[in-house]
Amino acid sequence: MRMLRHWFAPSSRRLFPEDSMRRIGAAIAAGEARHSGQLCFAVESRLTFAELLEGRPAREAALAAFAHLGVWDTAANNGVLLYLLLADHRIEIVADRGYDTRVGDERWLAVCESIQQALAAGEAEAAVLGGVAALSEIIAEQFPRVDGGAGGEGNELPDRPVRL
């Protein structure tokens, strides 16, 4: 059944056209103006045939994207990836180790559930924009922007969302 879902996965370009991706990127930039963390959004329509054969779970795909996009490599270990795997209807949040003792799993899960509700209502862009806002709030609580501060205060990663 999973193979069929991936074969007929919705297009990330249809759900998130270029104008939508620009608005999401602008929301990421606006959020990062309030904190010193780094937030990335990546959307993937489907996994490859080989990944499906090996049974790769969405979480593993998100972790691979986290590494590939360099979200793990921020100076203050405060990067966060919001990842959507459309074929599996999965939302994954991968946070760098700087959050390990600061933010409990229930906070990340609440953001995922909020995004899922909006996606189920057919509001893909609004779902991601809401997720970006919620994640920016969490990041700002833990890593507020400090003018003139050292390490992690610059924009280390592009704000532009990524299609994988």
N, C-alpha and C. Protein backbone atom coordinates (compact mmCIF):
# COMPACT_ATOMS: atom_id res chain seq x y z
N MET A 1 0.82 -1.19 0.00
CA MET A 1 0.00 0.00 0.00
C MET A 1 0.87 1.27 0.00
N ARG A 2 1.94 1.24 0.78
CA ARG A 2 2.84 2.40 0.84
C ARG A 2 3.43 2.68 -0.54
N MET A 3 3.76 1.62 -1.26
CA MET A 3 4.32 1.78 -2.61
C MET A 3 3.35 2.56 -3.50
N LEU A 4 2.09 2.25 -3.42
CA LEU A 4 1.08 2.95 -4.22
C LEU A 4 0.96 4.43 -3.81
N ARG A 5 0.98 4.68 -2.51
CA ARG A 5 0.91 6.07 -2.05
C ARG A 5 2.06 6.89 -2.60
N HIS A 6 3.23 6.27 -2.66
CA HIS A 6 4.40 6.98 -3.18
C HIS A 6 4.34 7.13 -4.69
N TRP A 7 3.81 6.12 -5.35
CA TRP A 7 3.70 6.18 -6.81
C TRP A 7 2.76 7.32 -7.22
N PHE A 8 1.68 7.50 -6.44
CA PHE A 8 0.67 8.52 -6.76
C PHE A 8 0.71 9.71 -5.80
N ALA A 9 1.88 9.99 -5.29
CA ALA A 9 2.04 11.09 -4.31
C ALA A 9 1.68 12.44 -4.93
N PRO A 10 1.13 13.31 -4.11
CA PRO A 10 0.84 14.66 -4.62
C PRO A 10 2.14 15.40 -4.94
N SER A 11 2.04 16.29 -5.88
CA SER A 11 3.21 17.07 -6.28
C SER A 11 3.47 18.19 -5.28
N SER A 12 4.71 18.33 -4.86
CA SER A 12 5.07 19.44 -3.97
C SER A 12 4.92 20.77 -4.70
N ARG A 13 5.11 20.76 -6.00
CA ARG A 13 4.95 22.00 -6.79
C ARG A 13 3.48 22.42 -6.89
N ARG A 14 2.58 21.46 -6.88
CA ARG A 14 1.16 21.79 -6.91
C ARG A 14 0.71 22.32 -5.54
N LEU A 15 1.13 21.66 -4.48
CA LEU A 15 0.73 22.09 -3.14
C LEU A 15 1.45 23.36 -2.70
N PHE A 16 2.69 23.52 -3.15
CA PHE A 16 3.49 24.67 -2.76
C PHE A 16 4.11 25.31 -4.00
N PRO A 17 3.30 26.06 -4.77
CA PRO A 17 3.86 26.74 -5.95
C PRO A 17 4.90 27.78 -5.52
N GLU A 18 5.59 28.34 -6.49
CA GLU A 18 6.69 29.27 -6.19
C GLU A 18 6.26 30.44 -5.30
N ASP A 19 5.09 31.01 -5.53
CA ASP A 19 4.63 32.12 -4.68
C ASP A 19 4.49 31.67 -3.23
N SER A 20 3.97 30.48 -3.05
CA SER A 20 3.83 29.91 -1.71
C SER A 20 5.19 29.70 -1.06
N MET A 21 6.13 29.16 -1.82
CA MET A 21 7.48 28.94 -1.28
C MET A 21 8.13 30.27 -0.89
N ARG A 22 7.89 31.32 -1.68
CA ARG A 22 8.44 32.65 -1.33
C ARG A 22 7.84 33.16 -0.02
N ARG A 23 6.52 32.98 0.14
CA ARG A 23 5.88 33.44 1.38
C ARG A 23 6.39 32.64 2.58
N ILE A 24 6.60 31.35 2.41
CA ILE A 24 7.14 30.54 3.50
C ILE A 24 8.56 31.00 3.84
N GLY A 25 9.37 31.25 2.82
CA GLY A 25 10.72 31.76 3.05
C GLY A 25 10.71 33.10 3.78
N ALA A 26 9.78 33.98 3.42
CA ALA A 26 9.66 35.27 4.09
C ALA A 26 9.25 35.09 5.55
N ALA A 27 8.38 34.12 5.82
CA ALA A 27 7.97 33.84 7.21
C ALA A 27 9.14 33.30 8.02
N ILE A 28 9.96 32.48 7.40
CA ILE A 28 11.16 31.97 8.09
C ILE A 28 12.09 33.14 8.41
N ALA A 29 12.32 34.02 7.45
CA ALA A 29 13.20 35.17 7.67
C ALA A 29 12.64 36.08 8.77
N ALA A 30 11.33 36.30 8.76
CA ALA A 30 10.72 37.15 9.80
C ALA A 30 10.88 36.51 11.18
N GLY A 31 10.70 35.20 11.24
CA GLY A 31 10.89 34.50 12.52
C GLY A 31 12.32 34.58 13.00
N GLU A 32 13.26 34.43 12.07
CA GLU A 32 14.67 34.46 12.45
C GLU A 32 15.13 35.85 12.86
N ALA A 33 14.36 36.88 12.54
CA ALA A 33 14.67 38.23 13.01
C ALA A 33 14.44 38.34 14.52
N ARG A 34 13.67 37.39 15.07
CA ARG A 34 13.35 37.40 16.50
C ARG A 34 14.21 36.46 17.34
N HIS A 35 14.97 35.59 16.67
CA HIS A 35 15.76 34.63 17.44
C HIS A 35 17.09 34.36 16.74
N SER A 36 17.96 33.64 17.43
CA SER A 36 19.27 33.34 16.87
C SER A 36 19.35 31.92 16.33
N GLY A 37 18.24 31.21 16.33
CA GLY A 37 18.21 29.86 15.78
C GLY A 37 18.10 29.88 14.27
N GLN A 38 18.14 28.69 13.68
CA GLN A 38 18.01 28.54 12.23
C GLN A 38 16.86 27.57 11.97
N LEU A 39 15.93 28.01 11.12
CA LEU A 39 14.77 27.20 10.80
C LEU A 39 14.77 26.92 9.30
N CYS A 40 14.57 25.67 8.95
CA CYS A 40 14.48 25.26 7.55
C CYS A 40 13.19 24.49 7.33
N PHE A 41 12.63 24.65 6.12
CA PHE A 41 11.47 23.88 5.72
C PHE A 41 11.84 23.10 4.47
N ALA A 42 11.57 21.80 4.49
CA ALA A 42 11.82 20.94 3.33
C ALA A 42 10.58 20.08 3.10
N VAL A 43 10.22 19.95 1.82
CA VAL A 43 9.08 19.13 1.45
C VAL A 43 9.54 18.11 0.42
N GLU A 44 9.09 16.88 0.59
CA GLU A 44 9.44 15.80 -0.32
C GLU A 44 8.15 15.10 -0.72
N SER A 45 7.93 14.96 -2.01
CA SER A 45 6.71 14.31 -2.48
C SER A 45 6.70 12.83 -2.15
N ARG A 46 7.80 12.15 -2.48
CA ARG A 46 7.84 10.69 -2.33
C ARG A 46 9.29 10.25 -2.12
N LEU A 47 9.42 9.05 -1.63
CA LEU A 47 10.74 8.44 -1.51
C LEU A 47 11.04 7.68 -2.80
N THR A 48 12.30 7.36 -2.99
CA THR A 48 12.69 6.59 -4.17
C THR A 48 12.25 5.13 -4.00
N PHE A 49 12.24 4.43 -5.11
CA PHE A 49 11.88 3.01 -5.09
C PHE A 49 12.82 2.24 -4.16
N ALA A 50 14.12 2.53 -4.23
CA ALA A 50 15.10 1.84 -3.38
C ALA A 50 14.82 2.13 -1.90
N GLU A 51 14.49 3.36 -1.57
CA GLU A 51 14.19 3.71 -0.17
C GLU A 51 12.94 2.99 0.31
N LEU A 52 11.97 2.85 -0.57
CA LEU A 52 10.76 2.12 -0.20
C LEU A 52 11.03 0.64 0.01
N LEU A 53 11.86 0.05 -0.86
CA LEU A 53 12.20 -1.36 -0.71
C LEU A 53 12.92 -1.63 0.60
N GLU A 54 13.76 -0.71 1.01
CA GLU A 54 14.47 -0.92 2.28
C GLU A 54 13.60 -0.56 3.49
N GLY A 55 12.41 -0.02 3.24
CA GLY A 55 11.48 0.30 4.33
C GLY A 55 11.84 1.56 5.08
N ARG A 56 12.46 2.50 4.41
CA ARG A 56 12.90 3.73 5.07
C ARG A 56 11.72 4.50 5.66
N PRO A 57 11.73 4.72 6.96
CA PRO A 57 10.64 5.49 7.57
C PRO A 57 10.82 6.99 7.30
N ALA A 58 9.74 7.73 7.43
CA ALA A 58 9.78 9.17 7.21
C ALA A 58 10.78 9.85 8.15
N ARG A 59 10.86 9.39 9.38
CA ARG A 59 11.79 10.01 10.34
C ARG A 59 13.23 9.89 9.84
N GLU A 60 13.57 8.74 9.29
CA GLU A 60 14.92 8.54 8.77
C GLU A 60 15.18 9.46 7.57
N ALA A 61 14.18 9.63 6.72
CA ALA A 61 14.31 10.56 5.59
C ALA A 61 14.50 11.98 6.10
N ALA A 62 13.79 12.35 7.16
CA ALA A 62 13.93 13.69 7.74
C ALA A 62 15.33 13.88 8.32
N LEU A 63 15.84 12.87 8.99
CA LEU A 63 17.19 12.96 9.55
C LEU A 63 18.24 13.10 8.44
N ALA A 64 18.02 12.40 7.33
CA ALA A 64 18.94 12.52 6.19
C ALA A 64 18.88 13.93 5.61
N ALA A 65 17.69 14.51 5.52
CA ALA A 65 17.55 15.88 5.02
C ALA A 65 18.20 16.87 5.99
N PHE A 66 18.05 16.63 7.28
CA PHE A 66 18.65 17.46 8.33
C PHE A 66 20.16 17.55 8.13
N ALA A 67 20.77 16.40 7.85
CA ALA A 67 22.22 16.35 7.61
C ALA A 67 22.57 16.96 6.26
N HIS A 68 21.84 16.58 5.22
CA HIS A 68 22.13 17.05 3.86
C HIS A 68 22.04 18.57 3.76
N LEU A 69 21.06 19.16 4.42
CA LEU A 69 20.86 20.61 4.34
C LEU A 69 21.75 21.39 5.31
N GLY A 70 22.49 20.68 6.15
CA GLY A 70 23.41 21.33 7.09
C GLY A 70 22.74 21.95 8.29
N VAL A 71 21.51 21.55 8.58
CA VAL A 71 20.78 22.13 9.71
C VAL A 71 21.46 21.75 11.03
N TRP A 72 22.12 20.63 11.06
CA TRP A 72 22.82 20.15 12.25
C TRP A 72 24.11 20.94 12.52
N ASP A 73 24.54 21.74 11.57
CA ASP A 73 25.88 22.34 11.62
C ASP A 73 25.87 23.82 11.98
N THR A 74 24.94 24.26 12.79
CA THR A 74 24.93 25.67 13.20
C THR A 74 25.86 25.88 14.38
N ALA A 75 26.37 27.09 14.51
CA ALA A 75 27.35 27.40 15.54
C ALA A 75 26.84 27.11 16.95
N ALA A 76 25.57 27.41 17.20
CA ALA A 76 25.01 27.23 18.54
C ALA A 76 24.18 25.94 18.66
N ASN A 77 24.27 25.06 17.68
CA ASN A 77 23.50 23.81 17.70
C ASN A 77 22.01 24.06 17.90
N ASN A 78 21.50 25.08 17.18
CA ASN A 78 20.12 25.47 17.38
C ASN A 78 19.30 25.49 16.08
N GLY A 79 19.64 24.60 15.16
CA GLY A 79 18.88 24.46 13.93
C GLY A 79 17.67 23.57 14.12
N VAL A 80 16.61 23.88 13.36
CA VAL A 80 15.37 23.09 13.40
C VAL A 80 14.92 22.88 11.96
N LEU A 81 14.58 21.65 11.63
CA LEU A 81 14.04 21.32 10.31
C LEU A 81 12.58 20.94 10.44
N LEU A 82 11.74 21.58 9.63
CA LEU A 82 10.35 21.19 9.47
C LEU A 82 10.29 20.44 8.14
N TYR A 83 9.95 19.16 8.20
CA TYR A 83 10.01 18.27 7.03
C TYR A 83 8.64 17.66 6.79
N LEU A 84 8.19 17.72 5.54
CA LEU A 84 6.95 17.07 5.15
C LEU A 84 7.25 16.02 4.10
N LEU A 85 6.75 14.81 4.33
CA LEU A 85 6.81 13.74 3.33
C LEU A 85 5.36 13.51 2.90
N LEU A 86 5.02 14.06 1.74
CA LEU A 86 3.64 14.10 1.28
C LEU A 86 3.02 12.73 1.09
N ALA A 87 3.74 11.80 0.50
CA ALA A 87 3.18 10.48 0.22
C ALA A 87 2.76 9.74 1.49
N ASP A 88 3.51 9.92 2.55
CA ASP A 88 3.21 9.25 3.82
C ASP A 88 2.35 10.10 4.75
N HIS A 89 2.03 11.31 4.33
CA HIS A 89 1.27 12.24 5.18
C HIS A 89 1.97 12.40 6.53
N ARG A 90 3.29 12.59 6.46
CA ARG A 90 4.10 12.68 7.68
C ARG A 90 4.73 14.06 7.80
N ILE A 91 4.70 14.55 9.02
CA ILE A 91 5.35 15.80 9.39
C ILE A 91 6.39 15.43 10.43
N GLU A 92 7.60 15.84 10.18
CA GLU A 92 8.68 15.56 11.12
C GLU A 92 9.37 16.86 11.48
N ILE A 93 9.68 17.01 12.74
CA ILE A 93 10.49 18.12 13.20
C ILE A 93 11.77 17.52 13.76
N VAL A 94 12.89 17.97 13.22
CA VAL A 94 14.19 17.51 13.70
C VAL A 94 14.89 18.73 14.28
N ALA A 95 15.20 18.66 15.56
CA ALA A 95 15.86 19.77 16.24
C ALA A 95 17.27 19.36 16.66
N ASP A 96 18.20 20.28 16.52
CA ASP A 96 19.58 20.02 16.88
C ASP A 96 19.71 19.83 18.39
N ARG A 97 20.85 19.36 18.80
CA ARG A 97 21.07 18.98 20.21
C ARG A 97 20.97 20.15 21.19
N GLY A 98 21.03 21.38 20.72
CA GLY A 98 20.88 22.53 21.61
C GLY A 98 19.51 22.60 22.26
N TYR A 99 18.55 21.87 21.74
CA TYR A 99 17.19 21.85 22.29
C TYR A 99 16.94 20.67 23.21
N ASP A 100 17.86 19.73 23.27
CA ASP A 100 17.62 18.46 23.97
C ASP A 100 17.09 18.62 25.39
N THR A 101 17.67 19.48 26.18
CA THR A 101 17.23 19.65 27.56
C THR A 101 16.30 20.85 27.73
N ARG A 102 16.02 21.55 26.64
CA ARG A 102 15.23 22.77 26.72
C ARG A 102 13.78 22.61 26.30
N VAL A 103 13.53 21.74 25.33
CA VAL A 103 12.19 21.61 24.76
C VAL A 103 11.79 20.14 24.79
N GLY A 104 10.66 19.87 25.40
CA GLY A 104 10.17 18.50 25.48
C GLY A 104 9.49 18.06 24.19
N ASP A 105 9.43 16.76 24.00
CA ASP A 105 8.81 16.19 22.81
C ASP A 105 7.36 16.64 22.62
N GLU A 106 6.66 16.88 23.73
CA GLU A 106 5.25 17.27 23.62
C GLU A 106 5.08 18.61 22.89
N ARG A 107 6.05 19.51 23.03
CA ARG A 107 5.96 20.80 22.31
C ARG A 107 6.11 20.60 20.81
N TRP A 108 7.08 19.77 20.40
CA TRP A 108 7.27 19.50 18.98
C TRP A 108 6.04 18.78 18.42
N LEU A 109 5.52 17.84 19.19
CA LEU A 109 4.35 17.07 18.76
C LEU A 109 3.13 17.97 18.59
N ALA A 110 2.97 18.94 19.47
CA ALA A 110 1.84 19.88 19.36
C ALA A 110 1.92 20.67 18.05
N VAL A 111 3.12 21.06 17.66
CA VAL A 111 3.29 21.78 16.39
C VAL A 111 2.92 20.85 15.23
N CYS A 112 3.39 19.61 15.27
CA CYS A 112 3.07 18.64 14.21
C CYS A 112 1.56 18.44 14.11
N GLU A 113 0.89 18.32 15.23
CA GLU A 113 -0.56 18.09 15.23
C GLU A 113 -1.30 19.29 14.64
N SER A 114 -0.85 20.48 14.96
CA SER A 114 -1.46 21.69 14.42
C SER A 114 -1.30 21.75 12.90
N ILE A 115 -0.11 21.42 12.43
CA ILE A 115 0.15 21.40 10.99
C ILE A 115 -0.73 20.34 10.33
N GLN A 116 -0.82 19.17 10.94
CA GLN A 116 -1.62 18.07 10.38
C GLN A 116 -3.08 18.47 10.24
N GLN A 117 -3.63 19.16 11.22
CA GLN A 117 -5.03 19.59 11.15
C GLN A 117 -5.26 20.53 9.98
N ALA A 118 -4.36 21.47 9.77
CA ALA A 118 -4.50 22.42 8.66
C ALA A 118 -4.31 21.71 7.32
N LEU A 119 -3.38 20.78 7.26
CA LEU A 119 -3.20 20.01 6.02
C LEU A 119 -4.44 19.20 5.70
N ALA A 120 -5.04 18.59 6.71
CA ALA A 120 -6.25 17.79 6.51
C ALA A 120 -7.40 18.66 6.00
N ALA A 121 -7.38 19.94 6.35
CA ALA A 121 -8.41 20.87 5.89
C ALA A 121 -8.11 21.40 4.49
N GLY A 122 -7.00 20.94 3.90
CA GLY A 122 -6.65 21.36 2.55
C GLY A 122 -5.91 22.68 2.47
N GLU A 123 -5.36 23.11 3.57
CA GLU A 123 -4.67 24.41 3.64
C GLU A 123 -3.16 24.20 3.77
N ALA A 124 -2.51 23.74 2.71
CA ALA A 124 -1.09 23.39 2.78
C ALA A 124 -0.21 24.58 3.17
N GLU A 125 -0.35 25.69 2.46
CA GLU A 125 0.49 26.85 2.77
C GLU A 125 0.21 27.36 4.18
N ALA A 126 -1.05 27.49 4.53
CA ALA A 126 -1.41 27.97 5.87
C ALA A 126 -0.87 27.03 6.95
N ALA A 127 -0.89 25.73 6.67
CA ALA A 127 -0.37 24.75 7.62
C ALA A 127 1.11 25.00 7.89
N VAL A 128 1.87 25.17 6.84
CA VAL A 128 3.31 25.38 7.00
C VAL A 128 3.59 26.75 7.63
N LEU A 129 2.86 27.77 7.21
CA LEU A 129 3.06 29.10 7.81
C LEU A 129 2.75 29.07 9.31
N GLY A 130 1.71 28.35 9.69
CA GLY A 130 1.40 28.20 11.11
C GLY A 130 2.48 27.44 11.85
N GLY A 131 3.02 26.40 11.19
CA GLY A 131 4.12 25.65 11.79
C GLY A 131 5.37 26.48 11.95
N VAL A 132 5.68 27.28 10.94
CA VAL A 132 6.85 28.17 11.00
C VAL A 132 6.68 29.16 12.15
N ALA A 133 5.48 29.73 12.30
CA ALA A 133 5.23 30.68 13.38
C ALA A 133 5.38 30.01 14.75
N ALA A 134 4.81 28.81 14.89
CA ALA A 134 4.90 28.10 16.17
C ALA A 134 6.34 27.71 16.49
N LEU A 135 7.07 27.23 15.49
CA LEU A 135 8.47 26.86 15.72
C LEU A 135 9.31 28.09 16.02
N SER A 136 9.04 29.19 15.34
CA SER A 136 9.79 30.43 15.61
C SER A 136 9.57 30.89 17.04
N GLU A 137 8.35 30.70 17.55
CA GLU A 137 8.05 31.05 18.94
C GLU A 137 8.88 30.20 19.90
N ILE A 138 8.92 28.90 19.65
CA ILE A 138 9.71 27.99 20.51
C ILE A 138 11.18 28.36 20.44
N ILE A 139 11.68 28.60 19.24
CA ILE A 139 13.10 28.94 19.09
C ILE A 139 13.40 30.26 19.79
N ALA A 140 12.53 31.26 19.65
CA ALA A 140 12.75 32.57 20.29
C ALA A 140 12.78 32.46 21.81
N GLU A 141 11.98 31.55 22.36
CA GLU A 141 12.00 31.33 23.81
C GLU A 141 13.36 30.80 24.27
N GLN A 142 13.93 29.91 23.47
CA GLN A 142 15.16 29.24 23.87
C GLN A 142 16.43 29.96 23.41
N PHE A 143 16.35 30.60 22.26
CA PHE A 143 17.52 31.27 21.67
C PHE A 143 17.11 32.66 21.16
N PRO A 144 16.80 33.57 22.10
CA PRO A 144 16.40 34.90 21.65
C PRO A 144 17.55 35.62 20.95
N ARG A 145 17.19 36.50 20.04
CA ARG A 145 18.21 37.30 19.34
C ARG A 145 18.83 38.25 20.35
N VAL A 146 20.13 38.31 20.34
CA VAL A 146 20.88 39.22 21.20
C VAL A 146 21.74 40.07 20.29
N ASP A 147 21.41 41.35 20.16
CA ASP A 147 22.17 42.23 19.28
C ASP A 147 23.63 42.28 19.72
N GLY A 148 24.50 42.10 18.75
CA GLY A 148 25.94 42.13 19.03
C GLY A 148 26.46 40.85 19.65
N GLY A 149 25.59 39.84 19.75
CA GLY A 149 26.01 38.58 20.35
C GLY A 149 26.95 37.81 19.45
N ALA A 150 27.61 36.84 20.04
CA ALA A 150 28.56 36.02 19.29
C ALA A 150 27.92 34.73 18.85
N GLY A 151 28.52 34.09 17.88
CA GLY A 151 28.15 32.74 17.44
C GLY A 151 26.67 32.46 17.31
N GLY A 152 26.23 32.16 16.14
CA GLY A 152 24.84 31.79 15.92
C GLY A 152 23.92 32.96 15.66
N GLU A 153 24.42 34.20 15.74
CA GLU A 153 23.58 35.36 15.53
C GLU A 153 23.37 35.69 14.06
N GLY A 154 24.21 35.18 13.18
CA GLY A 154 24.04 35.46 11.76
C GLY A 154 23.08 34.47 11.12
N ASN A 155 22.73 34.75 9.88
CA ASN A 155 21.86 33.84 9.14
C ASN A 155 22.74 32.76 8.52
N GLU A 156 22.88 31.65 9.19
CA GLU A 156 23.81 30.60 8.78
C GLU A 156 23.27 29.73 7.65
N LEU A 157 21.95 29.64 7.53
CA LEU A 157 21.33 28.78 6.52
C LEU A 157 20.34 29.59 5.69
N PRO A 158 20.15 29.23 4.44
CA PRO A 158 19.19 29.94 3.61
C PRO A 158 17.78 29.84 4.18
N ASP A 159 17.01 30.90 4.02
CA ASP A 159 15.61 30.90 4.47
C ASP A 159 14.69 30.25 3.45
N ARG A 160 15.15 30.12 2.23
CA ARG A 160 14.35 29.59 1.13
C ARG A 160 13.98 28.13 1.40
N PRO A 161 12.69 27.79 1.35
CA PRO A 161 12.29 26.38 1.51
C PRO A 161 12.91 25.52 0.41
N VAL A 162 12.97 24.22 0.69
CA VAL A 162 13.64 23.29 -0.21
C VAL A 162 12.67 22.19 -0.62
N ARG A 163 12.67 21.87 -1.91
CA ARG A 163 11.98 20.68 -2.41
C ARG A 163 13.03 19.60 -2.58
N LEU A 164 12.79 18.46 -1.98
CA LEU A 164 13.75 17.36 -2.08
C LEU A 164 13.28 16.36 -3.13
